[in-house]
């Protein structure tokens, strides 16, 4: 009898906890921002280069380049880096980023010899 009462109390409390924790998790971190950037990347090398390089940038949490759609998906901490800074870094690597065209002058300086 006592166990039945405990179970009856436990289940609603568990469900309440689950609902509350799901709600707070979906609110997420307000500093964590998701963005999609149009790019000129068009091959697997471009994908690997963009992903590996951008993952090393402070404030960028996740990167995925879809070279078929010419898009880069980033998740970043807006307190550490801005979307404009991410675009500028992509430009310096030799890729267009949204309406900003690639900066080949910087790119040529960083090419291995």
PDB file of N, CA and C in Angstrom:
ATOM      1  N   UNK A   1       0.821  -1.189   0.000  1.00  0.00           N
ATOM      2  CA  UNK A   1       0.000   0.000   0.000  1.00  0.00           C
ATOM      3  C   UNK A   1       0.870   1.260   0.000  1.00  0.00           C
ATOM      4  N   UNK A   2       1.890   1.253   0.847  1.00  0.00           N
ATOM      5  CA  UNK A   2       2.791   2.395   0.942  1.00  0.00           C
ATOM      6  C   UNK A   2       3.579   2.589  -0.357  1.00  0.00           C
ATOM      7  N   UNK A   3       4.003   1.480  -0.973  1.00  0.00           N
ATOM      8  CA  UNK A   3       4.746   1.570  -2.230  1.00  0.00           C
ATOM      9  C   UNK A   3       3.860   2.128  -3.337  1.00  0.00           C
ATOM     10  N   UNK A   4       2.616   1.765  -3.346  1.00  0.00           N
ATOM     11  CA  UNK A   4       1.692   2.274  -4.350  1.00  0.00           C
ATOM     12  C   UNK A   4       1.548   3.780  -4.216  1.00  0.00           C
ATOM     13  N   UNK A   5       1.478   4.279  -2.988  1.00  0.00           N
ATOM     14  CA  UNK A   5       1.376   5.729  -2.776  1.00  0.00           C
ATOM     15  C   UNK A   5       2.660   6.430  -3.206  1.00  0.00           C
ATOM     16  N   UNK A   6       3.777   5.801  -2.925  1.00  0.00           N
ATOM     17  CA  UNK A   6       5.057   6.398  -3.321  1.00  0.00           C
ATOM     18  C   UNK A   6       5.159   6.475  -4.845  1.00  0.00           C
ATOM     19  N   UNK A   7       4.744   5.426  -5.516  1.00  0.00           N
ATOM     20  CA  UNK A   7       4.787   5.408  -6.980  1.00  0.00           C
ATOM     21  C   UNK A   7       3.834   6.454  -7.541  1.00  0.00           C
ATOM     22  N   UNK A   8       2.662   6.581  -6.963  1.00  0.00           N
ATOM     23  CA  UNK A   8       1.690   7.572  -7.434  1.00  0.00           C
ATOM     24  C   UNK A   8       2.217   8.999  -7.247  1.00  0.00           C
ATOM     25  N   UNK A   9       2.994   9.226  -6.223  1.00  0.00           N
ATOM     26  CA  UNK A   9       3.599  10.545  -6.015  1.00  0.00           C
ATOM     27  C   UNK A   9       4.813  10.747  -6.904  1.00  0.00           C
ATOM     28  N   UNK A  10       5.553   9.682  -7.099  1.00  0.00           N
ATOM     29  CA  UNK A  10       6.793   9.778  -7.874  1.00  0.00           C
ATOM     30  C   UNK A  10       6.540  10.084  -9.351  1.00  0.00           C
ATOM     31  N   UNK A  11       5.571   9.417  -9.943  1.00  0.00           N
ATOM     32  CA  UNK A  11       5.313   9.591 -11.376  1.00  0.00           C
ATOM     33  C   UNK A  11       4.957  11.035 -11.727  1.00  0.00           C
ATOM     34  N   UNK A  12       4.008  11.696 -11.048  1.00  0.00           N
ATOM     35  CA  UNK A  12       3.726  13.102 -11.399  1.00  0.00           C
ATOM     36  C   UNK A  12       4.934  14.024 -11.157  1.00  0.00           C
ATOM     37  N   UNK A  13       5.683  13.753 -10.092  1.00  0.00           N
ATOM     38  CA  UNK A  13       6.874  14.578  -9.839  1.00  0.00           C
ATOM     39  C   UNK A  13       7.920  14.387 -10.930  1.00  0.00           C
ATOM     40  N   UNK A  14       8.093  13.148 -11.361  1.00  0.00           N
ATOM     41  CA  UNK A  14       9.037  12.875 -12.441  1.00  0.00           C
ATOM     42  C   UNK A  14       8.604  13.570 -13.729  1.00  0.00           C
ATOM     43  N   UNK A  15       7.331  13.485 -14.051  1.00  0.00           N
ATOM     44  CA  UNK A  15       6.820  14.129 -15.256  1.00  0.00           C
ATOM     45  C   UNK A  15       6.971  15.648 -15.176  1.00  0.00           C
ATOM     46  N   UNK A  16       6.697  16.211 -14.020  1.00  0.00           N
ATOM     47  CA  UNK A  16       6.871  17.651 -13.837  1.00  0.00           C
ATOM     48  C   UNK A  16       8.330  18.042 -14.031  1.00  0.00           C
ATOM     49  N   UNK A  17       9.245  17.279 -13.452  1.00  0.00           N
ATOM     50  CA  UNK A  17      10.680  17.547 -13.610  1.00  0.00           C
ATOM     51  C   UNK A  17      11.086  17.461 -15.082  1.00  0.00           C
ATOM     52  N   UNK A  18      10.591  16.429 -15.772  1.00  0.00           N
ATOM     53  CA  UNK A  18      10.918  16.239 -17.175  1.00  0.00           C
ATOM     54  C   UNK A  18      10.435  17.413 -18.024  1.00  0.00           C
ATOM     55  N   UNK A  19       9.221  17.860 -17.797  1.00  0.00           N
ATOM     56  CA  UNK A  19       8.655  18.981 -18.563  1.00  0.00           C
ATOM     57  C   UNK A  19       9.441  20.266 -18.297  1.00  0.00           C
ATOM     58  N   UNK A  20       9.731  20.534 -17.036  1.00  0.00           N
ATOM     59  CA  UNK A  20      10.465  21.753 -16.677  1.00  0.00           C
ATOM     60  C   UNK A  20      11.870  21.725 -17.251  1.00  0.00           C
ATOM     61  N   UNK A  21      12.565  20.581 -17.151  1.00  0.00           N
ATOM     62  CA  UNK A  21      13.933  20.502 -17.672  1.00  0.00           C
ATOM     63  C   UNK A  21      13.936  20.597 -19.191  1.00  0.00           C
ATOM     64  N   UNK A  22      12.934  20.036 -19.859  1.00  0.00           N
ATOM     65  CA  UNK A  22      12.848  20.150 -21.319  1.00  0.00           C
ATOM     66  C   UNK A  22      12.629  21.596 -21.734  1.00  0.00           C
ATOM     67  N   UNK A  23      11.797  22.300 -20.999  1.00  0.00           N
ATOM     68  CA  UNK A  23      11.522  23.691 -21.324  1.00  0.00           C
ATOM     69  C   UNK A  23      12.772  24.546 -21.165  1.00  0.00           C
ATOM     70  N   UNK A  24      13.498  24.372 -20.084  1.00  0.00           N
ATOM     71  CA  UNK A  24      14.702  25.189 -19.866  1.00  0.00           C
ATOM     72  C   UNK A  24      15.793  24.822 -20.853  1.00  0.00           C
ATOM     73  N   UNK A  25      15.874  23.562 -21.264  1.00  0.00           N
ATOM     74  CA  UNK A  25      16.884  23.168 -22.248  1.00  0.00           C
ATOM     75  C   UNK A  25      16.572  23.779 -23.605  1.00  0.00           C
ATOM     76  N   UNK A  26      15.292  23.876 -23.939  1.00  0.00           N
ATOM     77  CA  UNK A  26      14.938  24.445 -25.238  1.00  0.00           C
ATOM     78  C   UNK A  26      15.166  25.950 -25.272  1.00  0.00           C
ATOM     79  N   UNK A  27      15.149  26.590 -24.106  1.00  0.00           N
ATOM     80  CA  UNK A  27      15.452  28.015 -24.060  1.00  0.00           C
ATOM     81  C   UNK A  27      16.894  28.237 -24.472  1.00  0.00           C
ATOM     82  N   UNK A  28      17.754  27.292 -24.125  1.00  0.00           N
ATOM     83  CA  UNK A  28      19.140  27.322 -24.577  1.00  0.00           C
ATOM     84  C   UNK A  28      19.947  28.449 -23.976  1.00  0.00           C
ATOM     85  N   UNK A  29      21.142  28.544 -24.460  1.00  0.00           N
ATOM     86  CA  UNK A  29      22.063  29.578 -24.027  1.00  0.00           C
ATOM     87  C   UNK A  29      21.865  30.793 -24.924  1.00  0.00           C
ATOM     88  N   UNK A  30      21.480  31.932 -24.372  1.00  0.00           N
ATOM     89  CA  UNK A  30      21.212  33.091 -25.225  1.00  0.00           C
ATOM     90  C   UNK A  30      22.455  33.589 -25.971  1.00  0.00           C
ATOM     91  N   UNK A  31      23.640  33.227 -25.489  1.00  0.00           N
ATOM     92  CA  UNK A  31      24.864  33.634 -26.185  1.00  0.00           C
ATOM     93  C   UNK A  31      25.177  32.720 -27.350  1.00  0.00           C
ATOM     94  N   UNK A  32      24.603  31.520 -27.358  1.00  0.00           N
ATOM     95  CA  UNK A  32      24.868  30.560 -28.428  1.00  0.00           C
ATOM     96  C   UNK A  32      23.959  30.872 -29.608  1.00  0.00           C
ATOM     97  N   UNK A  33      24.564  31.195 -30.730  1.00  0.00           N
ATOM     98  CA  UNK A  33      23.818  31.620 -31.909  1.00  0.00           C
ATOM     99  C   UNK A  33      24.089  30.651 -33.053  1.00  0.00           C
ATOM    100  N   UNK A  34      23.038  30.329 -33.810  1.00  0.00           N
ATOM    101  CA  UNK A  34      23.164  29.489 -35.002  1.00  0.00           C
ATOM    102  C   UNK A  34      23.028  30.396 -36.216  1.00  0.00           C
ATOM    103  N   UNK A  35      23.864  30.156 -37.207  1.00  0.00           N
ATOM    104  CA  UNK A  35      23.795  30.971 -38.420  1.00  0.00           C
ATOM    105  C   UNK A  35      24.119  30.127 -39.647  1.00  0.00           C
ATOM    106  N   UNK A  36      23.559  30.530 -40.769  1.00  0.00           N
ATOM    107  CA  UNK A  36      23.872  29.919 -42.057  1.00  0.00           C
ATOM    108  C   UNK A  36      24.487  30.993 -42.931  1.00  0.00           C
ATOM    109  N   UNK A  37      25.660  30.698 -43.460  1.00  0.00           N
ATOM    110  CA  UNK A  37      26.399  31.663 -44.283  1.00  0.00           C
ATOM    111  C   UNK A  37      26.540  31.080 -45.683  1.00  0.00           C
ATOM    112  N   UNK A  38      26.114  31.837 -46.679  1.00  0.00           N
ATOM    113  CA  UNK A  38      26.315  31.429 -48.068  1.00  0.00           C
ATOM    114  C   UNK A  38      27.801  31.565 -48.385  1.00  0.00           C
ATOM    115  N   UNK A  39      28.330  30.593 -49.122  1.00  0.00           N
ATOM    116  CA  UNK A  39      29.761  30.604 -49.404  1.00  0.00           C
ATOM    117  C   UNK A  39      30.053  30.127 -50.814  1.00  0.00           C
ATOM    118  N   UNK A  40      31.282  30.339 -51.233  1.00  0.00           N
ATOM    119  CA  UNK A  40      31.723  29.907 -52.560  1.00  0.00           C
ATOM    120  C   UNK A  40      32.358  28.518 -52.524  1.00  0.00           C
ATOM    121  N   UNK A  41      32.361  27.859 -51.386  1.00  0.00           N
ATOM    122  CA  UNK A  41      32.935  26.514 -51.267  1.00  0.00           C
ATOM    123  C   UNK A  41      32.213  25.562 -52.213  1.00  0.00           C
ATOM    124  N   UNK A  42      32.995  24.750 -52.953  1.00  0.00           N
ATOM    125  CA  UNK A  42      32.340  23.880 -53.923  1.00  0.00           C
ATOM    126  C   UNK A  42      32.948  22.490 -54.052  1.00  0.00           C
ATOM    127  N   UNK A  43      33.774  22.083 -53.085  1.00  0.00           N
ATOM    128  CA  UNK A  43      34.346  20.736 -53.151  1.00  0.00           C
ATOM    129  C   UNK A  43      34.630  20.215 -51.741  1.00  0.00           C
ATOM    130  N   UNK A  44      35.003  18.944 -51.661  1.00  0.00           N
ATOM    131  CA  UNK A  44      35.269  18.324 -50.365  1.00  0.00           C
ATOM    132  C   UNK A  44      36.476  18.982 -49.689  1.00  0.00           C
ATOM    133  N   UNK A  45      37.459  19.409 -50.476  1.00  0.00           N
ATOM    134  CA  UNK A  45      38.610  20.099 -49.899  1.00  0.00           C
ATOM    135  C   UNK A  45      38.163  21.414 -49.241  1.00  0.00           C
ATOM    136  N   UNK A  46      37.295  22.137 -49.921  1.00  0.00           N
ATOM    137  CA  UNK A  46      36.768  23.388 -49.356  1.00  0.00           C
ATOM    138  C   UNK A  46      36.055  23.100 -48.033  1.00  0.00           C
ATOM    139  N   UNK A  47      35.243  22.063 -48.027  1.00  0.00           N
ATOM    140  CA  UNK A  47      34.500  21.671 -46.820  1.00  0.00           C
ATOM    141  C   UNK A  47      35.462  21.403 -45.672  1.00  0.00           C
ATOM    142  N   UNK A  48      36.460  20.560 -45.910  1.00  0.00           N
ATOM    143  CA  UNK A  48      37.424  20.208 -44.861  1.00  0.00           C
ATOM    144  C   UNK A  48      38.215  21.424 -44.398  1.00  0.00           C
ATOM    145  N   UNK A  49      38.636  22.246 -45.341  1.00  0.00           N
ATOM    146  CA  UNK A  49      39.415  23.437 -45.013  1.00  0.00           C
ATOM    147  C   UNK A  49      38.606  24.404 -44.147  1.00  0.00           C
ATOM    148  N   UNK A  50      37.381  24.681 -44.552  1.00  0.00           N
ATOM    149  CA  UNK A  50      36.530  25.591 -43.780  1.00  0.00           C
ATOM    150  C   UNK A  50      36.223  25.039 -42.393  1.00  0.00           C
ATOM    151  N   UNK A  51      35.816  23.781 -42.336  1.00  0.00           N
ATOM    152  CA  UNK A  51      35.453  23.190 -41.050  1.00  0.00           C
ATOM    153  C   UNK A  51      36.633  23.145 -40.089  1.00  0.00           C
ATOM    154  N   UNK A  52      37.771  22.643 -40.552  1.00  0.00           N
ATOM    155  CA  UNK A  52      38.938  22.529 -39.670  1.00  0.00           C
ATOM    156  C   UNK A  52      39.448  23.889 -39.218  1.00  0.00           C
ATOM    157  N   UNK A  53      39.465  24.858 -40.109  1.00  0.00           N
ATOM    158  CA  UNK A  53      39.984  26.182 -39.765  1.00  0.00           C
ATOM    159  C   UNK A  53      39.041  26.937 -38.835  1.00  0.00           C
ATOM    160  N   UNK A  54      37.754  26.911 -39.135  1.00  0.00           N
ATOM    161  CA  UNK A  54      36.804  27.664 -38.322  1.00  0.00           C
ATOM    162  C   UNK A  54      36.609  27.042 -36.938  1.00  0.00           C
ATOM    163  N   UNK A  55      36.754  25.727 -36.825  1.00  0.00           N
ATOM    164  CA  UNK A  55      36.624  25.086 -35.514  1.00  0.00           C
ATOM    165  C   UNK A  55      37.711  25.540 -34.545  1.00  0.00           C
ATOM    166  N   UNK A  56      38.820  26.009 -35.077  1.00  0.00           N
ATOM    167  CA  UNK A  56      39.928  26.471 -34.238  1.00  0.00           C
ATOM    168  C   UNK A  56      39.740  27.901 -33.740  1.00  0.00           C
ATOM    169  N   UNK A  57      38.770  28.607 -34.290  1.00  0.00           N
ATOM    170  CA  UNK A  57      38.535  30.006 -33.937  1.00  0.00           C
ATOM    171  C   UNK A  57      37.815  30.075 -32.589  1.00  0.00           C
ATOM    172  N   UNK A  58      38.342  30.901 -31.702  1.00  0.00           N
ATOM    173  CA  UNK A  58      37.756  31.054 -30.374  1.00  0.00           C
ATOM    174  C   UNK A  58      36.324  31.587 -30.502  1.00  0.00           C
ATOM    175  N   UNK A  59      35.403  30.897 -29.858  1.00  0.00           N
ATOM    176  CA  UNK A  59      34.004  31.316 -29.871  1.00  0.00           C
ATOM    177  C   UNK A  59      33.140  30.516 -30.821  1.00  0.00           C
ATOM    178  N   UNK A  60      33.744  29.815 -31.771  1.00  0.00           N
ATOM    179  CA  UNK A  60      32.964  28.988 -32.694  1.00  0.00           C
ATOM    180  C   UNK A  60      32.872  27.586 -32.102  1.00  0.00           C
ATOM    181  N   UNK A  61      31.642  27.116 -31.910  1.00  0.00           N
ATOM    182  CA  UNK A  61      31.417  25.825 -31.258  1.00  0.00           C
ATOM    183  C   UNK A  61      31.277  24.677 -32.266  1.00  0.00           C
ATOM    184  N   UNK A  62      30.515  24.915 -33.339  1.00  0.00           N
ATOM    185  CA  UNK A  62      30.286  23.865 -34.337  1.00  0.00           C
ATOM    186  C   UNK A  62      30.318  24.476 -35.723  1.00  0.00           C
ATOM    187  N   UNK A  63      30.795  23.684 -36.687  1.00  0.00           N
ATOM    188  CA  UNK A  63      30.836  24.120 -38.083  1.00  0.00           C
ATOM    189  C   UNK A  63      30.478  22.936 -38.963  1.00  0.00           C
ATOM    190  N   UNK A  64      29.642  23.181 -39.948  1.00  0.00           N
ATOM    191  CA  UNK A  64      29.336  22.163 -40.945  1.00  0.00           C
ATOM    192  C   UNK A  64      29.180  22.865 -42.289  1.00  0.00           C
ATOM    193  N   UNK A  65      29.987  22.446 -43.245  1.00  0.00           N
ATOM    194  CA  UNK A  65      29.935  23.043 -44.578  1.00  0.00           C
ATOM    195  C   UNK A  65      29.231  22.086 -45.529  1.00  0.00           C
ATOM    196  N   UNK A  66      28.211  22.598 -46.202  1.00  0.00           N
ATOM    197  CA  UNK A  66      27.513  21.844 -47.241  1.00  0.00           C
ATOM    198  C   UNK A  66      27.904  22.472 -48.571  1.00  0.00           C
ATOM    199  N   UNK A  67      28.928  21.892 -49.210  1.00  0.00           N
ATOM    200  CA  UNK A  67      29.453  22.509 -50.442  1.00  0.00           C
ATOM    201  C   UNK A  67      28.505  22.336 -51.624  1.00  0.00           C
ATOM    202  N   UNK A  68      27.564  21.402 -51.540  1.00  0.00           N
ATOM    203  CA  UNK A  68      26.584  21.234 -52.611  1.00  0.00           C
ATOM    204  C   UNK A  68      25.606  22.415 -52.607  1.00  0.00           C
ATOM    205  N   UNK A  69      25.184  22.817 -51.407  1.00  0.00           N
ATOM    206  CA  UNK A  69      24.270  23.963 -51.275  1.00  0.00           C
ATOM    207  C   UNK A  69      25.018  25.285 -51.154  1.00  0.00           C
ATOM    208  N   UNK A  70      26.336  25.228 -51.062  1.00  0.00           N
ATOM    209  CA  UNK A  70      27.173  26.426 -50.871  1.00  0.00           C
ATOM    210  C   UNK A  70      26.792  27.159 -49.589  1.00  0.00           C
ATOM    211  N   UNK A  71      26.696  26.397 -48.485  1.00  0.00           N
ATOM    212  CA  UNK A  71      26.335  26.974 -47.192  1.00  0.00           C
ATOM    213  C   UNK A  71      27.241  26.440 -46.088  1.00  0.00           C
ATOM    214  N   UNK A  72      27.525  27.312 -45.133  1.00  0.00           N
ATOM    215  CA  UNK A  72      28.257  26.921 -43.935  1.00  0.00           C
ATOM    216  C   UNK A  72      27.332  27.192 -42.752  1.00  0.00           C
ATOM    217  N   UNK A  73      27.124  26.170 -41.937  1.00  0.00           N
ATOM    218  CA  UNK A  73      26.302  26.291 -40.734  1.00  0.00           C
ATOM    219  C   UNK A  73      27.247  26.424 -39.539  1.00  0.00           C
ATOM    220  N   UNK A  74      27.084  27.466 -38.764  1.00  0.00           N
ATOM    221  CA  UNK A  74      27.939  27.668 -37.592  1.00  0.00           C
ATOM    222  C   UNK A  74      27.090  27.876 -36.346  1.00  0.00           C
ATOM    223  N   UNK A  75      27.632  27.405 -35.230  1.00  0.00           N
ATOM    224  CA  UNK A  75      27.084  27.690 -33.913  1.00  0.00           C
ATOM    225  C   UNK A  75      28.221  28.368 -33.170  1.00  0.00           C
ATOM    226  N   UNK A  76      27.955  29.575 -32.676  1.00  0.00           N
ATOM    227  CA  UNK A  76      29.030  30.342 -32.053  1.00  0.00           C
ATOM    228  C   UNK A  76      28.526  31.082 -30.823  1.00  0.00           C
ATOM    229  N   UNK A  77      29.489  31.496 -29.994  1.00  0.00           N
ATOM    230  CA  UNK A  77      29.205  32.260 -28.783  1.00  0.00           C
ATOM    231  C   UNK A  77      29.280  33.742 -29.152  1.00  0.00           C
ATOM    232  N   UNK A  78      28.154  34.420 -29.100  1.00  0.00           N
ATOM    233  CA  UNK A  78      28.087  35.816 -29.535  1.00  0.00           C
ATOM    234  C   UNK A  78      28.839  36.774 -28.611  1.00  0.00           C
ATOM    235  N   UNK A  79      29.225  36.303 -27.430  1.00  0.00           N
ATOM    236  CA  UNK A  79      30.027  37.133 -26.526  1.00  0.00           C
ATOM    237  C   UNK A  79      31.501  37.111 -26.923  1.00  0.00           C
ATOM    238  N   UNK A  80      31.908  36.086 -27.686  1.00  0.00           N
ATOM    239  CA  UNK A  80      33.313  35.925 -28.049  1.00  0.00           C
ATOM    240  C   UNK A  80      33.615  36.289 -29.499  1.00  0.00           C
ATOM    241  N   UNK A  81      32.620  36.151 -30.380  1.00  0.00           N
ATOM    242  CA  UNK A  81      32.846  36.436 -31.801  1.00  0.00           C
ATOM    243  C   UNK A  81      31.519  36.858 -32.434  1.00  0.00           C
ATOM    244  N   UNK A  82      31.598  37.695 -33.449  1.00  0.00           N
ATOM    245  CA  UNK A  82      30.397  38.140 -34.157  1.00  0.00           C
ATOM    246  C   UNK A  82      30.312  37.438 -35.504  1.00  0.00           C
ATOM    247  N   UNK A  83      29.137  37.490 -36.103  1.00  0.00           N
ATOM    248  CA  UNK A  83      28.952  36.900 -37.424  1.00  0.00           C
ATOM    249  C   UNK A  83      29.821  37.625 -38.455  1.00  0.00           C
ATOM    250  N   UNK A  84      30.014  38.918 -38.272  1.00  0.00           N
ATOM    251  CA  UNK A  84      30.866  39.682 -39.191  1.00  0.00           C
ATOM    252  C   UNK A  84      32.311  39.200 -39.117  1.00  0.00           C
ATOM    253  N   UNK A  85      32.783  38.895 -37.912  1.00  0.00           N
ATOM    254  CA  UNK A  85      34.153  38.391 -37.753  1.00  0.00           C
ATOM    255  C   UNK A  85      34.307  37.007 -38.393  1.00  0.00           C
ATOM    256  N   UNK A  86      33.272  36.191 -38.302  1.00  0.00           N
ATOM    257  CA  UNK A  86      33.315  34.867 -38.938  1.00  0.00           C
ATOM    258  C   UNK A  86      33.386  35.028 -40.451  1.00  0.00           C
ATOM    259  N   UNK A  87      32.570  35.918 -40.989  1.00  0.00           N
ATOM    260  CA  UNK A  87      32.606  36.174 -42.437  1.00  0.00           C
ATOM    261  C   UNK A  87      33.982  36.681 -42.875  1.00  0.00           C
ATOM    262  N   UNK A  88      34.560  37.584 -42.092  1.00  0.00           N
ATOM    263  CA  UNK A  88      35.880  38.131 -42.416  1.00  0.00           C
ATOM    264  C   UNK A  88      36.928  37.023 -42.421  1.00  0.00           C
ATOM    265  N   UNK A  89      36.851  36.105 -41.476  1.00  0.00           N
ATOM    266  CA  UNK A  89      37.796  34.986 -41.427  1.00  0.00           C
ATOM    267  C   UNK A  89      37.625  34.097 -42.657  1.00  0.00           C
ATOM    268  N   UNK A  90      36.384  33.856 -43.067  1.00  0.00           N
ATOM    269  CA  UNK A  90      36.143  33.064 -44.269  1.00  0.00           C
ATOM    270  C   UNK A  90      36.706  33.775 -45.502  1.00  0.00           C
ATOM    271  N   UNK A  91      36.529  35.100 -45.575  1.00  0.00           N
ATOM    272  CA  UNK A  91      37.067  35.876 -46.692  1.00  0.00           C
ATOM    273  C   UNK A  91      38.586  35.761 -46.752  1.00  0.00           C
ATOM    274  N   UNK A  92      39.223  35.840 -45.603  1.00  0.00           N
ATOM    275  CA  UNK A  92      40.686  35.748 -45.537  1.00  0.00           C
ATOM    276  C   UNK A  92      41.183  34.365 -45.963  1.00  0.00           C
ATOM    277  N   UNK A  93      40.327  33.349 -45.834  1.00  0.00           N
ATOM    278  CA  UNK A  93      40.678  31.996 -46.262  1.00  0.00           C
ATOM    279  C   UNK A  93      40.462  31.806 -47.765  1.00  0.00           C
ATOM    280  N   UNK A  94      39.856  32.796 -48.411  1.00  0.00           N
ATOM    281  CA  UNK A  94      39.644  32.716 -49.853  1.00  0.00           C
ATOM    282  C   UNK A  94      38.241  32.316 -50.261  1.00  0.00           C
ATOM    283  N   UNK A  95      37.274  32.438 -49.342  1.00  0.00           N
ATOM    284  CA  UNK A  95      35.892  32.060 -49.634  1.00  0.00           C
ATOM    285  C   UNK A  95      34.965  33.262 -49.491  1.00  0.00           C
ATOM    286  N   UNK A  96      33.961  33.326 -50.362  1.00  0.00           N
ATOM    287  CA  UNK A  96      32.903  34.312 -50.191  1.00  0.00           C
ATOM    288  C   UNK A  96      32.114  33.952 -48.937  1.00  0.00           C
ATOM    289  N   UNK A  97      31.586  34.956 -48.277  1.00  0.00           N
ATOM    290  CA  UNK A  97      30.749  34.735 -47.097  1.00  0.00           C
ATOM    291  C   UNK A  97      29.570  35.697 -47.191  1.00  0.00           C
ATOM    292  N   UNK A  98      28.409  35.156 -47.545  1.00  0.00           N
ATOM    293  CA  UNK A  98      27.222  35.954 -47.813  1.00  0.00           C
ATOM    294  C   UNK A  98      27.545  36.978 -48.888  1.00  0.00           C
ATOM    295  N   UNK A  99      27.357  38.260 -48.614  1.00  0.00           N
ATOM    296  CA  UNK A  99      27.610  39.276 -49.638  1.00  0.00           C
ATOM    297  C   UNK A  99      29.054  39.773 -49.645  1.00  0.00           C
ATOM    298  N   UNK A 100      29.874  39.279 -48.742  1.00  0.00           N
ATOM    299  CA  UNK A 100      31.286  39.687 -48.695  1.00  0.00           C
ATOM    300  C   UNK A 100      32.104  38.759 -49.588  1.00  0.00           C
ATOM    301  N   UNK A 101      32.798  39.341 -50.532  1.00  0.00           N
ATOM    302  CA  UNK A 101      33.605  38.559 -51.470  1.00  0.00           C
ATOM    303  C   UNK A 101      34.938  38.163 -50.836  1.00  0.00           C
ATOM    304  N   UNK A 102      35.486  37.062 -51.310  1.00  0.00           N
ATOM    305  CA  UNK A 102      36.762  36.559 -50.803  1.00  0.00           C
ATOM    306  C   UNK A 102      37.859  37.601 -50.964  1.00  0.00           C
ATOM    307  N   UNK A 103      38.733  37.654 -49.980  1.00  0.00           N
ATOM    308  CA  UNK A 103      39.859  38.579 -50.000  1.00  0.00           C
ATOM    309  C   UNK A 103      41.094  37.794 -50.426  1.00  0.00           C
ATOM    310  N   UNK A 104      41.384  37.803 -51.718  1.00  0.00           N
ATOM    311  CA  UNK A 104      42.492  36.999 -52.226  1.00  0.00           C
ATOM    312  C   UNK A 104      43.854  37.588 -51.890  1.00  0.00           C
ATOM    313  N   UNK A 105      43.920  38.876 -51.551  1.00  0.00           N
ATOM    314  CA  UNK A 105      45.200  39.463 -51.148  1.00  0.00           C
ATOM    315  C   UNK A 105      45.692  38.815 -49.858  1.00  0.00           C
ATOM    316  N   UNK A 106      44.814  38.694 -48.867  1.00  0.00           N
ATOM    317  CA  UNK A 106      45.178  38.032 -47.613  1.00  0.00           C
ATOM    318  C   UNK A 106      45.415  36.548 -47.847  1.00  0.00           C
ATOM    319  N   UNK A 107      44.594  35.947 -48.691  1.00  0.00           N
ATOM    320  CA  UNK A 107      44.695  34.522 -48.961  1.00  0.00           C
ATOM    321  C   UNK A 107      46.059  34.180 -49.546  1.00  0.00           C
ATOM    322  N   UNK A 108      46.556  34.987 -50.491  1.00  0.00           N
ATOM    323  CA  UNK A 108      47.843  34.721 -51.112  1.00  0.00           C
ATOM    324  C   UNK A 108      48.985  34.789 -50.111  1.00  0.00           C
ATOM    325  N   UNK A 109      48.857  35.658 -49.101  1.00  0.00           N
ATOM    326  CA  UNK A 109      49.895  35.782 -48.090  1.00  0.00           C
ATOM    327  C   UNK A 109      49.963  34.555 -47.194  1.00  0.00           C
ATOM    328  N   UNK A 110      48.855  33.847 -47.044  1.00  0.00           N
ATOM    329  CA  UNK A 110      48.826  32.701 -46.139  1.00  0.00           C
ATOM    330  C   UNK A 110      49.011  31.364 -46.868  1.00  0.00           C
ATOM    331  N   UNK A 111      49.131  31.394 -48.200  1.00  0.00           N
ATOM    332  CA  UNK A 111      49.329  30.164 -48.934  1.00  0.00           C
ATOM    333  C   UNK A 111      50.703  29.571 -48.625  1.00  0.00           C
ATOM    334  N   UNK A 112      50.782  28.251 -48.475  1.00  0.00           N
ATOM    335  CA  UNK A 112      52.095  27.641 -48.256  1.00  0.00           C
ATOM    336  C   UNK A 112      52.942  27.744 -49.514  1.00  0.00           C
ATOM    337  N   UNK A 113      54.245  27.877 -49.323  1.00  0.00           N
ATOM    338  CA  UNK A 113      55.154  28.027 -50.488  1.00  0.00           C
ATOM    339  C   UNK A 113      55.874  26.752 -50.781  1.00  0.00           C
TER     340      UNK A 113
END
